[in-house]
């Protein structure tokens, strides 16, 4: 009888422990993404690190750039540290969907298709798309001239989508340097990229045999994608509040002028 009572007691204790662990796990799962970020004391921000002046490595191989500094400011506003993770465009987006990263700051254009997959912050800057060709190229002067031509861009980027929309064949590349290498060697007819990225590249390579053939009429809004769903709602609100404060303080305009030579934080 004593043995039976002892066994029952042990089983009861195990059950209580299991219920307690289950309750703790449930409470942990109930915490939203922002709460978990604050509990860890850090926010994981993904970026390519190869796209100057948005995100790149300086001469000392230190990660820097317009978006890098924005990430630092947002983390400061949230009261946490910023942990930056670098990767290729497509893998970053996949990581964002799976929850490996809390956000991606990398000059991401705000599009309807992307809004179906991610929750976005308010726009923090705007830029036009440039069609870039070699200086002696006279066959491309407008977007419609891309039909039947070959371009190079990161696959799934808005630049690749736009090129394909106008009938171009797009070759996938990993970064801007590779894109210009293909263009300048004559292996592609053109590439589409941010107007500001073209100017930054030419500033670093003034001898480059490249020019802007044409620009899109409208400036594209750039925003910060985060994992989609109710779990991210509080984070999106907090990031929007942080961005608005950075805008109101004039810091965003200062960063834009520092990295782009002009203020691209306004629609016009």
C-alpha atoms as a PDB file:
ATOM      1  CA  UNK A   1       0.000   0.000   0.000  1.00  0.00           C
ATOM      2  CA  UNK A   2       2.832   2.410   0.879  1.00  0.00           C
ATOM      3  CA  UNK A   3       4.533   1.604  -2.378  1.00  0.00           C
ATOM      4  CA  UNK A   4       1.328   2.348  -4.267  1.00  0.00           C
ATOM      5  CA  UNK A   5       0.889   5.678  -2.449  1.00  0.00           C
ATOM      6  CA  UNK A   6       4.514   6.613  -3.173  1.00  0.00           C
ATOM      7  CA  UNK A   7       4.114   5.792  -6.858  1.00  0.00           C
ATOM      8  CA  UNK A   8       0.907   7.832  -7.016  1.00  0.00           C
ATOM      9  CA  UNK A   9       2.684  10.739  -5.350  1.00  0.00           C
ATOM     10  CA  UNK A  10       5.553  10.584  -7.850  1.00  0.00           C
ATOM     11  CA  UNK A  11       3.098  10.490 -10.738  1.00  0.00           C
ATOM     12  CA  UNK A  12       1.243  13.458  -9.292  1.00  0.00           C
ATOM     13  CA  UNK A  13       4.475  15.442  -9.020  1.00  0.00           C
ATOM     14  CA  UNK A  14       5.409  14.580 -12.615  1.00  0.00           C
ATOM     15  CA  UNK A  15       1.951  15.690 -13.773  1.00  0.00           C
ATOM     16  CA  UNK A  16       2.263  18.992 -11.906  1.00  0.00           C
ATOM     17  CA  UNK A  17       5.698  19.586 -13.426  1.00  0.00           C
ATOM     18  CA  UNK A  18       4.419  18.792 -16.913  1.00  0.00           C
ATOM     19  CA  UNK A  19       1.476  21.140 -16.499  1.00  0.00           C
ATOM     20  CA  UNK A  20       3.815  23.837 -15.220  1.00  0.00           C
ATOM     21  CA  UNK A  21       6.174  23.445 -18.172  1.00  0.00           C
ATOM     22  CA  UNK A  22       3.232  23.436 -20.560  1.00  0.00           C
ATOM     23  CA  UNK A  23       1.907  26.620 -18.968  1.00  0.00           C
ATOM     24  CA  UNK A  24       5.311  28.328 -19.251  1.00  0.00           C
ATOM     25  CA  UNK A  25       5.600  27.276 -22.875  1.00  0.00           C
ATOM     26  CA  UNK A  26       2.113  28.589 -23.587  1.00  0.00           C
ATOM     27  CA  UNK A  27       2.918  31.922 -21.958  1.00  0.00           C
ATOM     28  CA  UNK A  28       6.127  32.121 -24.030  1.00  0.00           C
ATOM     29  CA  UNK A  29       4.178  31.433 -27.213  1.00  0.00           C
ATOM     30  CA  UNK A  30       1.644  34.125 -26.280  1.00  0.00           C
ATOM     31  CA  UNK A  31       4.366  36.794 -26.349  1.00  0.00           C
ATOM     32  CA  UNK A  32       4.401  38.661 -29.654  1.00  0.00           C
ATOM     33  CA  UNK A  33       7.514  39.337 -31.720  1.00  0.00           C
ATOM     34  CA  UNK A  34       8.196  42.756 -30.180  1.00  0.00           C
ATOM     35  CA  UNK A  35       7.949  41.332 -26.652  1.00  0.00           C
ATOM     36  CA  UNK A  36      10.379  38.540 -27.525  1.00  0.00           C
ATOM     37  CA  UNK A  37      12.798  41.036 -29.085  1.00  0.00           C
ATOM     38  CA  UNK A  38      12.751  43.188 -25.953  1.00  0.00           C
ATOM     39  CA  UNK A  39      13.158  40.160 -23.733  1.00  0.00           C
ATOM     40  CA  UNK A  40      16.272  39.082 -25.700  1.00  0.00           C
ATOM     41  CA  UNK A  41      17.524  42.659 -25.813  1.00  0.00           C
ATOM     42  CA  UNK A  42      18.343  42.527 -29.516  1.00  0.00           C
ATOM     43  CA  UNK A  43      16.681  42.782 -32.909  1.00  0.00           C
ATOM     44  CA  UNK A  44      17.988  40.735 -35.863  1.00  0.00           C
ATOM     45  CA  UNK A  45      18.251  42.883 -39.001  1.00  0.00           C
ATOM     46  CA  UNK A  46      19.074  41.284 -42.347  1.00  0.00           C
ATOM     47  CA  UNK A  47      20.785  43.054 -45.265  1.00  0.00           C
ATOM     48  CA  UNK A  48      22.971  42.217 -48.253  1.00  0.00           C
ATOM     49  CA  UNK A  49      26.024  44.267 -47.338  1.00  0.00           C
ATOM     50  CA  UNK A  50      27.030  44.511 -51.017  1.00  0.00           C
ATOM     51  CA  UNK A  51      24.851  47.356 -52.319  1.00  0.00           C
ATOM     52  CA  UNK A  52      26.461  50.754 -51.798  1.00  0.00           C
ATOM     53  CA  UNK A  53      25.440  53.176 -50.490  1.00  0.00           C
ATOM     54  CA  UNK A  54      22.504  51.273 -48.954  1.00  0.00           C
ATOM     55  CA  UNK A  55      24.466  48.503 -47.214  1.00  0.00           C
ATOM     56  CA  UNK A  56      28.142  47.788 -47.898  1.00  0.00           C
ATOM     57  CA  UNK A  57      31.610  47.329 -46.393  1.00  0.00           C
ATOM     58  CA  UNK A  58      33.976  50.289 -46.127  1.00  0.00           C
ATOM     59  CA  UNK A  59      37.732  50.232 -46.795  1.00  0.00           C
ATOM     60  CA  UNK A  60      38.254  48.685 -43.353  1.00  0.00           C
ATOM     61  CA  UNK A  61      35.732  45.952 -44.238  1.00  0.00           C
ATOM     62  CA  UNK A  62      33.263  47.303 -41.691  1.00  0.00           C
ATOM     63  CA  UNK A  63      29.553  47.037 -42.485  1.00  0.00           C
ATOM     64  CA  UNK A  64      28.063  50.480 -43.043  1.00  0.00           C
ATOM     65  CA  UNK A  65      25.628  52.385 -45.243  1.00  0.00           C
ATOM     66  CA  UNK A  66      22.368  54.332 -45.248  1.00  0.00           C
ATOM     67  CA  UNK A  67      20.233  51.353 -44.194  1.00  0.00           C
ATOM     68  CA  UNK A  68      22.810  50.155 -41.681  1.00  0.00           C
ATOM     69  CA  UNK A  69      22.623  53.457 -39.804  1.00  0.00           C
ATOM     70  CA  UNK A  70      18.823  53.438 -39.966  1.00  0.00           C
ATOM     71  CA  UNK A  71      18.895  49.989 -38.363  1.00  0.00           C
ATOM     72  CA  UNK A  72      21.045  51.318 -35.523  1.00  0.00           C
ATOM     73  CA  UNK A  73      18.667  54.236 -34.927  1.00  0.00           C
ATOM     74  CA  UNK A  74      15.579  52.003 -34.904  1.00  0.00           C
ATOM     75  CA  UNK A  75      17.195  49.583 -32.454  1.00  0.00           C
ATOM     76  CA  UNK A  76      18.120  52.511 -30.212  1.00  0.00           C
ATOM     77  CA  UNK A  77      14.529  53.771 -30.292  1.00  0.00           C
ATOM     78  CA  UNK A  78      13.280  50.282 -29.359  1.00  0.00           C
ATOM     79  CA  UNK A  79      15.784  50.076 -26.509  1.00  0.00           C
ATOM     80  CA  UNK A  80      17.608  47.015 -27.840  1.00  0.00           C
ATOM     81  CA  UNK A  81      20.850  46.176 -29.644  1.00  0.00           C
ATOM     82  CA  UNK A  82      20.967  45.655 -33.408  1.00  0.00           C
ATOM     83  CA  UNK A  83      22.342  42.349 -34.656  1.00  0.00           C
ATOM     84  CA  UNK A  84      23.083  42.558 -38.392  1.00  0.00           C
ATOM     85  CA  UNK A  85      23.049  39.436 -40.551  1.00  0.00           C
ATOM     86  CA  UNK A  86      24.258  39.513 -44.158  1.00  0.00           C
ATOM     87  CA  UNK A  87      23.058  37.304 -46.978  1.00  0.00           C
ATOM     88  CA  UNK A  88      21.882  37.137 -50.571  1.00  0.00           C
ATOM     89  CA  UNK A  89      18.613  38.826 -51.504  1.00  0.00           C
ATOM     90  CA  UNK A  90      16.465  35.723 -52.013  1.00  0.00           C
ATOM     91  CA  UNK A  91      17.785  33.918 -48.941  1.00  0.00           C
ATOM     92  CA  UNK A  92      17.089  36.983 -46.792  1.00  0.00           C
ATOM     93  CA  UNK A  93      13.482  37.142 -47.971  1.00  0.00           C
ATOM     94  CA  UNK A  94      13.084  33.407 -47.304  1.00  0.00           C
ATOM     95  CA  UNK A  95      14.583  33.887 -43.843  1.00  0.00           C
ATOM     96  CA  UNK A  96      12.177  36.718 -43.161  1.00  0.00           C
ATOM     97  CA  UNK A  97       9.205  34.487 -44.052  1.00  0.00           C
ATOM     98  CA  UNK A  98      10.459  31.664 -41.832  1.00  0.00           C
ATOM     99  CA  UNK A  99      11.083  34.000 -38.899  1.00  0.00           C
ATOM    100  CA  UNK A 100      14.889  33.772 -38.825  1.00  0.00           C
ATOM    101  CA  UNK A 101      15.117  37.564 -39.064  1.00  0.00           C
ATOM    102  CA  UNK A 102      13.011  40.244 -37.402  1.00  0.00           C
ATOM    103  CA  UNK A 103      13.250  42.656 -40.327  1.00  0.00           C
ATOM    104  CA  UNK A 104      15.109  43.423 -43.537  1.00  0.00           C
ATOM    105  CA  UNK A 105      16.538  46.889 -44.195  1.00  0.00           C
ATOM    106  CA  UNK A 106      18.016  46.884 -47.667  1.00  0.00           C
ATOM    107  CA  UNK A 107      16.357  49.428 -49.959  1.00  0.00           C
ATOM    108  CA  UNK A 108      13.311  47.168 -50.372  1.00  0.00           C
ATOM    109  CA  UNK A 109      10.701  48.602 -52.740  1.00  0.00           C
ATOM    110  CA  UNK A 110       7.150  48.565 -51.405  1.00  0.00           C
ATOM    111  CA  UNK A 111       5.018  46.580 -53.867  1.00  0.00           C
ATOM    112  CA  UNK A 112       1.573  44.982 -53.783  1.00  0.00           C
ATOM    113  CA  UNK A 113       2.992  41.483 -54.259  1.00  0.00           C
ATOM    114  CA  UNK A 114       5.421  41.894 -51.377  1.00  0.00           C
ATOM    115  CA  UNK A 115       2.691  43.259 -49.115  1.00  0.00           C
ATOM    116  CA  UNK A 116       0.943  39.902 -49.499  1.00  0.00           C
ATOM    117  CA  UNK A 117       3.973  38.147 -47.994  1.00  0.00           C
ATOM    118  CA  UNK A 118       5.322  40.655 -45.470  1.00  0.00           C
ATOM    119  CA  UNK A 119       4.157  43.435 -43.177  1.00  0.00           C
ATOM    120  CA  UNK A 120       5.809  46.742 -44.071  1.00  0.00           C
ATOM    121  CA  UNK A 121       6.742  49.891 -42.206  1.00  0.00           C
ATOM    122  CA  UNK A 122       5.830  53.328 -43.455  1.00  0.00           C
ATOM    123  CA  UNK A 123       8.034  54.413 -46.422  1.00  0.00           C
ATOM    124  CA  UNK A 124      11.299  56.002 -45.352  1.00  0.00           C
ATOM    125  CA  UNK A 125      12.660  57.048 -48.745  1.00  0.00           C
ATOM    126  CA  UNK A 126      11.868  57.114 -52.452  1.00  0.00           C
ATOM    127  CA  UNK A 127      13.949  56.452 -55.552  1.00  0.00           C
ATOM    128  CA  UNK A 128      13.565  56.234 -59.297  1.00  0.00           C
ATOM    129  CA  UNK A 129      14.692  53.251 -61.334  1.00  0.00           C
ATOM    130  CA  UNK A 130      17.419  53.876 -63.905  1.00  0.00           C
ATOM    131  CA  UNK A 131      18.041  51.849 -67.052  1.00  0.00           C
ATOM    132  CA  UNK A 132      21.840  51.734 -67.276  1.00  0.00           C
ATOM    133  CA  UNK A 133      23.717  50.971 -70.510  1.00  0.00           C
ATOM    134  CA  UNK A 134      27.181  51.430 -72.002  1.00  0.00           C
ATOM    135  CA  UNK A 135      27.934  54.947 -73.224  1.00  0.00           C
ATOM    136  CA  UNK A 136      27.863  54.037 -76.909  1.00  0.00           C
ATOM    137  CA  UNK A 137      24.490  52.277 -76.650  1.00  0.00           C
ATOM    138  CA  UNK A 138      21.863  54.201 -78.633  1.00  0.00           C
ATOM    139  CA  UNK A 139      19.356  51.368 -79.021  1.00  0.00           C
ATOM    140  CA  UNK A 140      17.817  51.873 -75.582  1.00  0.00           C
ATOM    141  CA  UNK A 141      16.317  55.267 -74.774  1.00  0.00           C
ATOM    142  CA  UNK A 142      13.072  54.204 -73.082  1.00  0.00           C
ATOM    143  CA  UNK A 143      11.719  51.232 -71.143  1.00  0.00           C
ATOM    144  CA  UNK A 144       9.936  49.872 -74.208  1.00  0.00           C
ATOM    145  CA  UNK A 145      13.328  49.417 -75.887  1.00  0.00           C
ATOM    146  CA  UNK A 146      14.170  46.619 -73.426  1.00  0.00           C
ATOM    147  CA  UNK A 147      12.071  44.178 -75.445  1.00  0.00           C
ATOM    148  CA  UNK A 148      14.334  41.423 -76.789  1.00  0.00           C
ATOM    149  CA  UNK A 149      17.336  42.730 -74.830  1.00  0.00           C
ATOM    150  CA  UNK A 150      19.305  40.997 -72.069  1.00  0.00           C
ATOM    151  CA  UNK A 151      19.604  42.539 -68.609  1.00  0.00           C
ATOM    152  CA  UNK A 152      21.075  41.425 -65.281  1.00  0.00           C
ATOM    153  CA  UNK A 153      19.538  41.791 -61.836  1.00  0.00           C
ATOM    154  CA  UNK A 154      18.921  39.946 -58.614  1.00  0.00           C
ATOM    155  CA  UNK A 155      16.155  37.474 -59.372  1.00  0.00           C
ATOM    156  CA  UNK A 156      12.820  38.386 -57.678  1.00  0.00           C
ATOM    157  CA  UNK A 157      13.892  42.022 -57.296  1.00  0.00           C
ATOM    158  CA  UNK A 158      11.531  44.716 -58.581  1.00  0.00           C
ATOM    159  CA  UNK A 159      14.208  45.635 -61.129  1.00  0.00           C
ATOM    160  CA  UNK A 160      14.143  42.138 -62.614  1.00  0.00           C
ATOM    161  CA  UNK A 161      10.347  42.154 -62.615  1.00  0.00           C
ATOM    162  CA  UNK A 162      10.252  45.516 -64.397  1.00  0.00           C
ATOM    163  CA  UNK A 163      12.773  44.375 -67.029  1.00  0.00           C
ATOM    164  CA  UNK A 164      10.751  41.226 -67.707  1.00  0.00           C
ATOM    165  CA  UNK A 165       7.552  43.269 -67.886  1.00  0.00           C
ATOM    166  CA  UNK A 166       9.062  45.190 -70.795  1.00  0.00           C
ATOM    167  CA  UNK A 167      10.204  42.029 -72.585  1.00  0.00           C
ATOM    168  CA  UNK A 168      13.828  41.661 -71.499  1.00  0.00           C
ATOM    169  CA  UNK A 169      15.568  38.389 -70.642  1.00  0.00           C
ATOM    170  CA  UNK A 170      16.995  38.685 -67.140  1.00  0.00           C
ATOM    171  CA  UNK A 171      20.240  37.020 -66.016  1.00  0.00           C
ATOM    172  CA  UNK A 172      20.414  36.461 -62.252  1.00  0.00           C
ATOM    173  CA  UNK A 173      23.300  38.039 -60.328  1.00  0.00           C
ATOM    174  CA  UNK A 174      24.315  38.281 -56.673  1.00  0.00           C
ATOM    175  CA  UNK A 175      25.259  41.931 -56.335  1.00  0.00           C
ATOM    176  CA  UNK A 176      25.744  45.294 -58.036  1.00  0.00           C
ATOM    177  CA  UNK A 177      29.454  44.744 -58.732  1.00  0.00           C
ATOM    178  CA  UNK A 178      28.686  41.598 -60.706  1.00  0.00           C
ATOM    179  CA  UNK A 179      25.956  43.443 -62.587  1.00  0.00           C
ATOM    180  CA  UNK A 180      28.328  46.172 -63.754  1.00  0.00           C
ATOM    181  CA  UNK A 181      30.957  43.582 -64.625  1.00  0.00           C
ATOM    182  CA  UNK A 182      28.504  41.951 -67.050  1.00  0.00           C
ATOM    183  CA  UNK A 183      27.420  45.301 -68.468  1.00  0.00           C
ATOM    184  CA  UNK A 184      30.892  46.736 -69.014  1.00  0.00           C
ATOM    185  CA  UNK A 185      32.152  43.497 -70.584  1.00  0.00           C
ATOM    186  CA  UNK A 186      29.292  43.619 -73.085  1.00  0.00           C
ATOM    187  CA  UNK A 187      27.639  40.395 -71.935  1.00  0.00           C
ATOM    188  CA  UNK A 188      24.327  42.166 -71.256  1.00  0.00           C
ATOM    189  CA  UNK A 189      22.614  45.098 -72.954  1.00  0.00           C
ATOM    190  CA  UNK A 190      21.449  46.915 -69.839  1.00  0.00           C
ATOM    191  CA  UNK A 191      20.684  46.704 -66.148  1.00  0.00           C
ATOM    192  CA  UNK A 192      17.996  48.305 -64.037  1.00  0.00           C
ATOM    193  CA  UNK A 193      18.862  49.702 -60.640  1.00  0.00           C
ATOM    194  CA  UNK A 194      18.255  52.566 -58.248  1.00  0.00           C
ATOM    195  CA  UNK A 195      19.241  55.908 -59.718  1.00  0.00           C
ATOM    196  CA  UNK A 196      21.168  56.740 -56.539  1.00  0.00           C
ATOM    197  CA  UNK A 197      23.115  53.477 -56.755  1.00  0.00           C
ATOM    198  CA  UNK A 198      24.255  54.396 -60.266  1.00  0.00           C
ATOM    199  CA  UNK A 199      25.560  57.762 -59.070  1.00  0.00           C
ATOM    200  CA  UNK A 200      27.332  56.124 -56.143  1.00  0.00           C
ATOM    201  CA  UNK A 201      28.975  53.575 -58.441  1.00  0.00           C
ATOM    202  CA  UNK A 202      30.122  56.285 -60.854  1.00  0.00           C
ATOM    203  CA  UNK A 203      31.502  58.300 -57.955  1.00  0.00           C
ATOM    204  CA  UNK A 204      33.715  55.333 -57.081  1.00  0.00           C
ATOM    205  CA  UNK A 205      34.422  54.413 -60.744  1.00  0.00           C
ATOM    206  CA  UNK A 206      34.419  57.701 -62.711  1.00  0.00           C
ATOM    207  CA  UNK A 207      36.090  55.998 -65.672  1.00  0.00           C
ATOM    208  CA  UNK A 208      33.320  53.398 -66.039  1.00  0.00           C
ATOM    209  CA  UNK A 209      31.832  53.148 -69.539  1.00  0.00           C
ATOM    210  CA  UNK A 210      28.220  53.535 -68.405  1.00  0.00           C
ATOM    211  CA  UNK A 211      25.345  56.007 -68.610  1.00  0.00           C
ATOM    212  CA  UNK A 212      21.671  56.282 -67.706  1.00  0.00           C
ATOM    213  CA  UNK A 213      19.545  55.625 -70.772  1.00  0.00           C
ATOM    214  CA  UNK A 214      16.252  56.570 -69.107  1.00  0.00           C
ATOM    215  CA  UNK A 215      14.463  56.839 -65.766  1.00  0.00           C
ATOM    216  CA  UNK A 216      11.045  55.725 -64.568  1.00  0.00           C
ATOM    217  CA  UNK A 217       8.562  58.594 -64.211  1.00  0.00           C
ATOM    218  CA  UNK A 218       7.533  57.778 -60.669  1.00  0.00           C
ATOM    219  CA  UNK A 219       9.686  57.366 -57.601  1.00  0.00           C
ATOM    220  CA  UNK A 220       9.294  54.008 -55.854  1.00  0.00           C
ATOM    221  CA  UNK A 221       8.542  53.976 -52.117  1.00  0.00           C
ATOM    222  CA  UNK A 222      11.093  52.084 -49.997  1.00  0.00           C
ATOM    223  CA  UNK A 223      10.052  50.491 -46.698  1.00  0.00           C
ATOM    224  CA  UNK A 224      11.060  47.856 -44.138  1.00  0.00           C
ATOM    225  CA  UNK A 225       9.531  44.358 -44.472  1.00  0.00           C
ATOM    226  CA  UNK A 226       8.848  42.267 -41.363  1.00  0.00           C
ATOM    227  CA  UNK A 227       7.276  38.809 -40.855  1.00  0.00           C
ATOM    228  CA  UNK A 228       3.587  38.899 -41.728  1.00  0.00           C
ATOM    229  CA  UNK A 229       0.784  38.327 -39.205  1.00  0.00           C
ATOM    230  CA  UNK A 230      -0.663  39.348 -35.852  1.00  0.00           C
ATOM    231  CA  UNK A 231       2.592  38.329 -34.169  1.00  0.00           C
ATOM    232  CA  UNK A 232       4.349  41.273 -35.849  1.00  0.00           C
ATOM    233  CA  UNK A 233       1.622  43.900 -35.352  1.00  0.00           C
ATOM    234  CA  UNK A 234       3.190  45.507 -32.268  1.00  0.00           C
ATOM    235  CA  UNK A 235       6.645  45.472 -33.896  1.00  0.00           C
ATOM    236  CA  UNK A 236       5.353  47.235 -37.020  1.00  0.00           C
ATOM    237  CA  UNK A 237       3.712  49.916 -34.861  1.00  0.00           C
ATOM    238  CA  UNK A 238       6.894  50.387 -32.821  1.00  0.00           C
ATOM    239  CA  UNK A 239       9.080  50.607 -35.944  1.00  0.00           C
ATOM    240  CA  UNK A 240       6.703  53.134 -37.516  1.00  0.00           C
ATOM    241  CA  UNK A 241       6.842  55.243 -34.351  1.00  0.00           C
ATOM    242  CA  UNK A 242      10.654  55.034 -34.348  1.00  0.00           C
ATOM    243  CA  UNK A 243      10.891  55.960 -38.035  1.00  0.00           C
ATOM    244  CA  UNK A 244       8.542  58.914 -37.597  1.00  0.00           C
ATOM    245  CA  UNK A 245      10.655  60.192 -34.717  1.00  0.00           C
ATOM    246  CA  UNK A 246      13.822  59.821 -36.818  1.00  0.00           C
ATOM    247  CA  UNK A 247      12.116  61.739 -39.638  1.00  0.00           C
ATOM    248  CA  UNK A 248      10.832  64.492 -37.311  1.00  0.00           C
ATOM    249  CA  UNK A 249      14.279  64.877 -35.747  1.00  0.00           C
ATOM    250  CA  UNK A 250      15.776  65.471 -39.205  1.00  0.00           C
ATOM    251  CA  UNK A 251      18.150  62.506 -38.825  1.00  0.00           C
ATOM    252  CA  UNK A 252      16.787  60.629 -41.828  1.00  0.00           C
ATOM    253  CA  UNK A 253      17.367  63.577 -44.158  1.00  0.00           C
ATOM    254  CA  UNK A 254      20.882  63.970 -42.755  1.00  0.00           C
ATOM    255  CA  UNK A 255      21.682  60.320 -43.491  1.00  0.00           C
ATOM    256  CA  UNK A 256      20.263  60.635 -47.005  1.00  0.00           C
ATOM    257  CA  UNK A 257      22.454  63.634 -47.779  1.00  0.00           C
ATOM    258  CA  UNK A 258      25.455  61.886 -46.224  1.00  0.00           C
ATOM    259  CA  UNK A 259      25.136  58.751 -48.362  1.00  0.00           C
ATOM    260  CA  UNK A 260      23.326  59.915 -51.507  1.00  0.00           C
ATOM    261  CA  UNK A 261      24.323  63.560 -51.759  1.00  0.00           C
ATOM    262  CA  UNK A 262      20.675  64.608 -51.665  1.00  0.00           C
ATOM    263  CA  UNK A 263      17.425  64.129 -49.771  1.00  0.00           C
ATOM    264  CA  UNK A 264      15.509  61.114 -51.097  1.00  0.00           C
ATOM    265  CA  UNK A 265      13.264  60.837 -48.034  1.00  0.00           C
ATOM    266  CA  UNK A 266      10.361  62.704 -49.665  1.00  0.00           C
ATOM    267  CA  UNK A 267       8.110  61.455 -52.527  1.00  0.00           C
ATOM    268  CA  UNK A 268       9.049  64.325 -54.840  1.00  0.00           C
END
